[in-house]
């Protein structure tokens, strides 16, 4: 039980740190229209990962847990998309986004696995 609490706390910290790092990235983006538009989309999705993970931790039922976790997965995937767009549109160099992109991908993998395991456990009832 203790390791579960530690994992939840670790993930809350990671998702919050991910949000903060994205805020810092947003502030450093070029002041062009396209950078602002894509940056705002990234800012919304990345900060939503942390906020919705907190909601996952407060879920009152398995269905609510699954639903909120699905939102986290969607927002993490969207964050990866916006970062890919920033790189491919040559707004930000890939080297500058590498670590943040890796974190987004890791969070996406962790939450996707948790959602799959949650769905599998629902089927057993």
N, C-alpha and C. Protein backbone atom coordinates (compact mmCIF):
# COMPACT_ATOMS: atom_id res chain seq x y z
N UNK A 1 0.83 -1.20 0.00
CA UNK A 1 0.00 0.00 0.00
C UNK A 1 0.86 1.25 0.00
N UNK A 2 1.94 1.23 0.77
CA UNK A 2 2.81 2.38 0.85
C UNK A 2 3.44 2.71 -0.50
N UNK A 3 3.82 1.67 -1.27
CA UNK A 3 4.43 1.91 -2.58
C UNK A 3 3.42 2.53 -3.55
N UNK A 4 2.14 2.22 -3.39
CA UNK A 4 1.12 2.82 -4.24
C UNK A 4 1.00 4.33 -3.94
N UNK A 5 1.03 4.68 -2.68
CA UNK A 5 0.96 6.09 -2.29
C UNK A 5 2.19 6.83 -2.81
N UNK A 6 3.36 6.19 -2.68
CA UNK A 6 4.59 6.81 -3.18
C UNK A 6 4.53 7.01 -4.68
N UNK A 7 3.99 6.02 -5.40
CA UNK A 7 3.86 6.13 -6.85
C UNK A 7 2.93 7.29 -7.22
N UNK A 8 1.81 7.39 -6.54
CA UNK A 8 0.85 8.47 -6.82
C UNK A 8 1.51 9.82 -6.56
N UNK A 9 2.20 9.93 -5.44
CA UNK A 9 2.89 11.20 -5.13
C UNK A 9 3.96 11.52 -6.17
N UNK A 10 4.69 10.51 -6.59
CA UNK A 10 5.72 10.71 -7.61
C UNK A 10 5.08 11.18 -8.92
N UNK A 11 3.97 10.58 -9.30
CA UNK A 11 3.32 10.97 -10.55
C UNK A 11 2.69 12.36 -10.45
N UNK A 12 2.18 12.70 -9.28
CA UNK A 12 1.66 14.06 -9.10
C UNK A 12 2.78 15.08 -9.27
N UNK A 13 3.94 14.77 -8.72
CA UNK A 13 5.09 15.67 -8.85
C UNK A 13 5.55 15.73 -10.30
N UNK A 14 5.65 14.59 -10.96
CA UNK A 14 6.10 14.57 -12.36
C UNK A 14 5.15 15.35 -13.26
N UNK A 15 3.86 15.17 -13.07
CA UNK A 15 2.91 15.87 -13.95
C UNK A 15 2.92 17.37 -13.67
N UNK A 16 3.10 17.75 -12.42
CA UNK A 16 3.19 19.17 -12.09
C UNK A 16 4.48 19.76 -12.67
N UNK A 17 5.59 19.05 -12.52
CA UNK A 17 6.86 19.50 -13.09
C UNK A 17 6.75 19.63 -14.62
N UNK A 18 6.06 18.68 -15.24
CA UNK A 18 5.84 18.73 -16.69
C UNK A 18 5.09 20.01 -17.06
N UNK A 19 4.09 20.35 -16.28
CA UNK A 19 3.33 21.58 -16.51
C UNK A 19 4.23 22.80 -16.36
N UNK A 20 5.02 22.84 -15.32
CA UNK A 20 5.90 23.99 -15.08
C UNK A 20 6.95 24.13 -16.17
N UNK A 21 7.51 23.03 -16.61
CA UNK A 21 8.50 23.08 -17.69
C UNK A 21 7.87 23.58 -18.98
N UNK A 22 6.63 23.20 -19.22
CA UNK A 22 5.93 23.66 -20.42
C UNK A 22 5.65 25.16 -20.33
N UNK A 23 5.31 25.63 -19.15
CA UNK A 23 5.09 27.08 -18.97
C UNK A 23 6.38 27.83 -19.30
N UNK A 24 7.51 27.32 -18.84
CA UNK A 24 8.78 27.98 -19.13
C UNK A 24 9.08 27.96 -20.64
N UNK A 25 8.78 26.83 -21.28
CA UNK A 25 8.97 26.74 -22.73
C UNK A 25 8.09 27.78 -23.43
N UNK A 26 6.84 27.86 -23.03
CA UNK A 26 5.90 28.80 -23.65
C UNK A 26 6.44 30.23 -23.57
N UNK A 27 6.96 30.59 -22.42
CA UNK A 27 7.51 31.94 -22.23
C UNK A 27 8.69 32.21 -23.16
N UNK A 28 9.43 31.16 -23.54
CA UNK A 28 10.63 31.32 -24.36
C UNK A 28 10.36 31.19 -25.86
N UNK A 29 9.13 30.89 -26.24
CA UNK A 29 8.81 30.74 -27.66
C UNK A 29 8.96 32.07 -28.40
N UNK A 30 9.27 32.01 -29.70
CA UNK A 30 9.30 33.24 -30.49
C UNK A 30 7.94 33.93 -30.43
N UNK A 31 7.93 35.22 -30.68
CA UNK A 31 6.70 36.01 -30.56
C UNK A 31 5.90 36.06 -31.86
N UNK A 32 6.05 35.03 -32.70
CA UNK A 32 5.30 34.97 -33.95
C UNK A 32 3.88 34.46 -33.68
N UNK A 33 2.98 34.73 -34.61
CA UNK A 33 1.59 34.29 -34.44
C UNK A 33 1.48 32.77 -34.33
N UNK A 34 2.18 32.05 -35.23
CA UNK A 34 2.07 30.59 -35.20
C UNK A 34 2.65 30.00 -33.92
N UNK A 35 3.75 30.56 -33.44
CA UNK A 35 4.34 30.07 -32.19
C UNK A 35 3.39 30.32 -31.02
N UNK A 36 2.74 31.46 -31.02
CA UNK A 36 1.79 31.77 -29.94
C UNK A 36 0.60 30.82 -29.97
N UNK A 37 0.06 30.57 -31.17
CA UNK A 37 -1.12 29.71 -31.29
C UNK A 37 -0.79 28.28 -30.88
N UNK A 38 0.27 27.73 -31.46
CA UNK A 38 0.65 26.35 -31.12
C UNK A 38 1.10 26.28 -29.66
N UNK A 39 1.82 27.28 -29.21
CA UNK A 39 2.28 27.32 -27.82
C UNK A 39 1.12 27.31 -26.83
N UNK A 40 0.07 28.07 -27.14
CA UNK A 40 -1.09 28.08 -26.24
C UNK A 40 -1.77 26.72 -26.22
N UNK A 41 -1.84 26.07 -27.37
CA UNK A 41 -2.43 24.73 -27.42
C UNK A 41 -1.61 23.76 -26.56
N UNK A 42 -0.29 23.83 -26.69
CA UNK A 42 0.59 22.99 -25.88
C UNK A 42 0.44 23.31 -24.41
N UNK A 43 0.39 24.59 -24.09
CA UNK A 43 0.24 25.01 -22.70
C UNK A 43 -1.04 24.44 -22.09
N UNK A 44 -2.13 24.51 -22.84
CA UNK A 44 -3.41 23.97 -22.34
C UNK A 44 -3.35 22.47 -22.12
N UNK A 45 -2.84 21.74 -23.11
CA UNK A 45 -2.83 20.28 -22.98
C UNK A 45 -1.85 19.81 -21.91
N UNK A 46 -0.68 20.41 -21.85
CA UNK A 46 0.33 19.97 -20.88
C UNK A 46 -0.09 20.27 -19.44
N UNK A 47 -0.66 21.43 -19.21
CA UNK A 47 -1.11 21.73 -17.84
C UNK A 47 -2.33 20.89 -17.48
N UNK A 48 -3.08 20.50 -18.47
CA UNK A 48 -4.24 19.64 -18.23
C UNK A 48 -3.84 18.23 -17.77
N UNK A 49 -2.66 17.78 -18.20
CA UNK A 49 -2.18 16.46 -17.77
C UNK A 49 -2.10 16.42 -16.24
N UNK A 50 -1.44 17.41 -15.66
CA UNK A 50 -1.29 17.45 -14.20
C UNK A 50 -2.61 17.65 -13.48
N UNK A 51 -3.41 18.58 -13.98
CA UNK A 51 -4.69 18.87 -13.32
C UNK A 51 -5.61 17.65 -13.35
N UNK A 52 -5.67 16.98 -14.49
CA UNK A 52 -6.56 15.82 -14.59
C UNK A 52 -6.01 14.61 -13.87
N UNK A 53 -4.68 14.50 -13.75
CA UNK A 53 -4.14 13.39 -12.95
C UNK A 53 -4.55 13.55 -11.48
N UNK A 54 -4.59 14.78 -11.01
CA UNK A 54 -5.07 15.01 -9.64
C UNK A 54 -6.52 14.55 -9.50
N UNK A 55 -7.31 14.78 -10.54
CA UNK A 55 -8.70 14.32 -10.52
C UNK A 55 -8.77 12.79 -10.53
N UNK A 56 -7.85 12.15 -11.24
CA UNK A 56 -7.78 10.68 -11.23
C UNK A 56 -7.60 10.19 -9.80
N UNK A 57 -6.73 10.86 -9.07
CA UNK A 57 -6.42 10.45 -7.69
C UNK A 57 -7.60 10.61 -6.75
N UNK A 58 -8.57 11.43 -7.13
CA UNK A 58 -9.76 11.64 -6.30
C UNK A 58 -11.00 10.91 -6.82
N UNK A 59 -10.82 10.07 -7.80
CA UNK A 59 -11.96 9.38 -8.42
C UNK A 59 -12.76 8.60 -7.37
N UNK A 60 -14.07 8.68 -7.50
CA UNK A 60 -14.97 8.04 -6.53
C UNK A 60 -15.45 6.67 -6.96
N UNK A 61 -15.15 6.30 -8.19
CA UNK A 61 -15.56 4.99 -8.69
C UNK A 61 -14.57 4.54 -9.76
N UNK A 62 -14.65 3.27 -10.10
CA UNK A 62 -13.79 2.74 -11.16
C UNK A 62 -14.10 3.41 -12.50
N UNK A 63 -15.37 3.66 -12.76
CA UNK A 63 -15.77 4.31 -14.01
C UNK A 63 -15.22 5.74 -14.08
N UNK A 64 -15.30 6.46 -12.97
CA UNK A 64 -14.77 7.82 -12.94
C UNK A 64 -13.25 7.81 -13.09
N UNK A 65 -12.61 6.86 -12.44
CA UNK A 65 -11.16 6.71 -12.56
C UNK A 65 -10.76 6.51 -14.02
N UNK A 66 -11.44 5.58 -14.68
CA UNK A 66 -11.14 5.28 -16.08
C UNK A 66 -11.38 6.49 -16.97
N UNK A 67 -12.47 7.18 -16.73
CA UNK A 67 -12.82 8.36 -17.53
C UNK A 67 -11.78 9.46 -17.38
N UNK A 68 -11.41 9.77 -16.14
CA UNK A 68 -10.42 10.83 -15.89
C UNK A 68 -9.04 10.42 -16.43
N UNK A 69 -8.70 9.16 -16.26
CA UNK A 69 -7.41 8.68 -16.77
C UNK A 69 -7.38 8.76 -18.30
N UNK A 70 -8.51 8.53 -18.93
CA UNK A 70 -8.58 8.66 -20.39
C UNK A 70 -8.31 10.09 -20.83
N UNK A 71 -8.79 11.04 -20.05
CA UNK A 71 -8.51 12.46 -20.35
C UNK A 71 -7.01 12.74 -20.23
N UNK A 72 -6.38 12.19 -19.20
CA UNK A 72 -4.94 12.38 -19.02
C UNK A 72 -4.18 11.82 -20.23
N UNK A 73 -4.58 10.64 -20.68
CA UNK A 73 -3.92 10.03 -21.84
C UNK A 73 -4.10 10.92 -23.07
N UNK A 74 -5.31 11.39 -23.30
CA UNK A 74 -5.58 12.25 -24.46
C UNK A 74 -4.76 13.53 -24.40
N UNK A 75 -4.68 14.15 -23.24
CA UNK A 75 -3.95 15.41 -23.10
C UNK A 75 -2.44 15.20 -23.24
N UNK A 76 -1.92 14.09 -22.73
CA UNK A 76 -0.49 13.79 -22.89
C UNK A 76 -0.17 13.56 -24.37
N UNK A 77 -1.03 12.82 -25.05
CA UNK A 77 -0.83 12.57 -26.48
C UNK A 77 -0.91 13.88 -27.27
N UNK A 78 -1.85 14.72 -26.92
CA UNK A 78 -1.98 16.02 -27.58
C UNK A 78 -0.72 16.87 -27.34
N UNK A 79 -0.18 16.81 -26.14
CA UNK A 79 1.04 17.55 -25.84
C UNK A 79 2.19 17.11 -26.74
N UNK A 80 2.32 15.81 -26.94
CA UNK A 80 3.35 15.28 -27.84
C UNK A 80 3.11 15.82 -29.24
N UNK A 81 1.86 15.83 -29.69
CA UNK A 81 1.53 16.34 -31.02
C UNK A 81 1.96 17.79 -31.19
N UNK A 82 1.63 18.65 -30.23
CA UNK A 82 1.98 20.07 -30.35
C UNK A 82 3.49 20.27 -30.34
N UNK A 83 4.21 19.47 -29.56
CA UNK A 83 5.67 19.58 -29.57
C UNK A 83 6.24 19.13 -30.91
N UNK A 84 5.69 18.06 -31.46
CA UNK A 84 6.12 17.61 -32.79
C UNK A 84 5.89 18.73 -33.81
N UNK A 85 4.76 19.38 -33.71
CA UNK A 85 4.44 20.47 -34.64
C UNK A 85 5.43 21.63 -34.49
N UNK A 86 5.76 21.99 -33.26
CA UNK A 86 6.74 23.06 -33.04
C UNK A 86 8.08 22.72 -33.69
N UNK A 87 8.47 21.46 -33.61
CA UNK A 87 9.74 21.03 -34.20
C UNK A 87 9.64 20.99 -35.73
N UNK A 88 8.61 20.33 -36.24
CA UNK A 88 8.49 20.14 -37.68
C UNK A 88 8.20 21.43 -38.43
N UNK A 89 7.59 22.39 -37.76
CA UNK A 89 7.36 23.71 -38.37
C UNK A 89 8.59 24.61 -38.22
N UNK A 90 9.62 24.05 -37.61
CA UNK A 90 10.89 24.75 -37.40
C UNK A 90 10.74 26.02 -36.56
N UNK A 91 9.85 25.92 -35.56
CA UNK A 91 9.66 27.02 -34.62
C UNK A 91 10.64 26.86 -33.46
N UNK A 92 10.86 25.60 -33.07
CA UNK A 92 11.78 25.28 -31.98
C UNK A 92 12.68 24.13 -32.45
N UNK A 93 13.96 24.22 -32.12
CA UNK A 93 14.89 23.14 -32.48
C UNK A 93 14.59 21.90 -31.64
N UNK A 94 14.72 20.75 -32.25
CA UNK A 94 14.42 19.49 -31.55
C UNK A 94 15.28 19.30 -30.31
N UNK A 95 16.51 19.80 -30.34
CA UNK A 95 17.40 19.67 -29.17
C UNK A 95 16.81 20.40 -27.95
N UNK A 96 16.14 21.50 -28.20
CA UNK A 96 15.57 22.27 -27.10
C UNK A 96 14.36 21.55 -26.48
N UNK A 97 13.65 20.78 -27.30
CA UNK A 97 12.45 20.10 -26.82
C UNK A 97 12.68 18.64 -26.44
N UNK A 98 13.87 18.13 -26.69
CA UNK A 98 14.13 16.70 -26.49
C UNK A 98 13.73 16.15 -25.15
N UNK A 99 14.20 16.76 -24.07
CA UNK A 99 13.89 16.25 -22.72
C UNK A 99 12.41 16.36 -22.39
N UNK A 100 11.81 17.47 -22.76
CA UNK A 100 10.38 17.67 -22.49
C UNK A 100 9.54 16.69 -23.30
N UNK A 101 9.93 16.47 -24.54
CA UNK A 101 9.24 15.51 -25.39
C UNK A 101 9.36 14.09 -24.83
N UNK A 102 10.55 13.76 -24.34
CA UNK A 102 10.75 12.44 -23.72
C UNK A 102 9.85 12.27 -22.50
N UNK A 103 9.76 13.31 -21.69
CA UNK A 103 8.90 13.23 -20.50
C UNK A 103 7.44 13.07 -20.90
N UNK A 104 7.01 13.80 -21.90
CA UNK A 104 5.62 13.68 -22.37
C UNK A 104 5.36 12.26 -22.87
N UNK A 105 6.30 11.70 -23.60
CA UNK A 105 6.14 10.34 -24.12
C UNK A 105 6.13 9.31 -23.00
N UNK A 106 6.98 9.51 -22.00
CA UNK A 106 7.00 8.59 -20.86
C UNK A 106 5.68 8.67 -20.08
N UNK A 107 5.20 9.88 -19.83
CA UNK A 107 3.93 10.04 -19.13
C UNK A 107 2.80 9.39 -19.93
N UNK A 108 2.81 9.59 -21.24
CA UNK A 108 1.79 8.98 -22.09
C UNK A 108 1.83 7.46 -21.97
N UNK A 109 3.02 6.88 -22.00
CA UNK A 109 3.16 5.42 -21.89
C UNK A 109 2.68 4.91 -20.53
N UNK A 110 3.05 5.61 -19.48
CA UNK A 110 2.64 5.20 -18.12
C UNK A 110 1.12 5.25 -17.98
N UNK A 111 0.52 6.35 -18.39
CA UNK A 111 -0.93 6.50 -18.23
C UNK A 111 -1.71 5.61 -19.19
N UNK A 112 -1.18 5.36 -20.37
CA UNK A 112 -1.84 4.44 -21.31
C UNK A 112 -1.86 3.03 -20.74
N UNK A 113 -0.74 2.64 -20.14
CA UNK A 113 -0.67 1.31 -19.52
C UNK A 113 -1.62 1.22 -18.33
N UNK A 114 -1.66 2.26 -17.53
CA UNK A 114 -2.58 2.27 -16.37
C UNK A 114 -4.02 2.17 -16.84
N UNK A 115 -4.35 2.88 -17.91
CA UNK A 115 -5.72 2.83 -18.43
C UNK A 115 -6.05 1.44 -18.96
N UNK A 116 -5.11 0.83 -19.69
CA UNK A 116 -5.32 -0.51 -20.22
C UNK A 116 -5.52 -1.50 -19.07
N UNK A 117 -4.66 -1.41 -18.05
CA UNK A 117 -4.79 -2.31 -16.90
C UNK A 117 -6.09 -2.07 -16.16
N UNK A 118 -6.53 -0.83 -16.10
CA UNK A 118 -7.80 -0.51 -15.46
C UNK A 118 -8.97 -1.13 -16.22
N UNK A 119 -8.91 -1.04 -17.53
CA UNK A 119 -9.96 -1.60 -18.38
C UNK A 119 -9.98 -3.13 -18.26
N UNK A 120 -8.78 -3.75 -18.24
CA UNK A 120 -8.69 -5.20 -18.10
C UNK A 120 -9.27 -5.64 -16.76
N UNK A 121 -9.02 -4.87 -15.70
CA UNK A 121 -9.54 -5.26 -14.38
C UNK A 121 -11.04 -5.09 -14.31
N UNK A 122 -11.59 -4.14 -15.07
CA UNK A 122 -13.05 -3.96 -15.11
C UNK A 122 -13.72 -5.16 -15.73
N UNK A 123 -13.08 -5.76 -16.72
CA UNK A 123 -13.65 -6.92 -17.42
C UNK A 123 -13.75 -8.14 -16.53
N UNK A 124 -12.92 -8.20 -15.50
CA UNK A 124 -12.91 -9.37 -14.65
C UNK A 124 -14.06 -9.38 -13.65
N UNK A 125 -14.80 -8.28 -13.55
CA UNK A 125 -15.92 -8.23 -12.60
C UNK A 125 -17.21 -8.69 -13.22
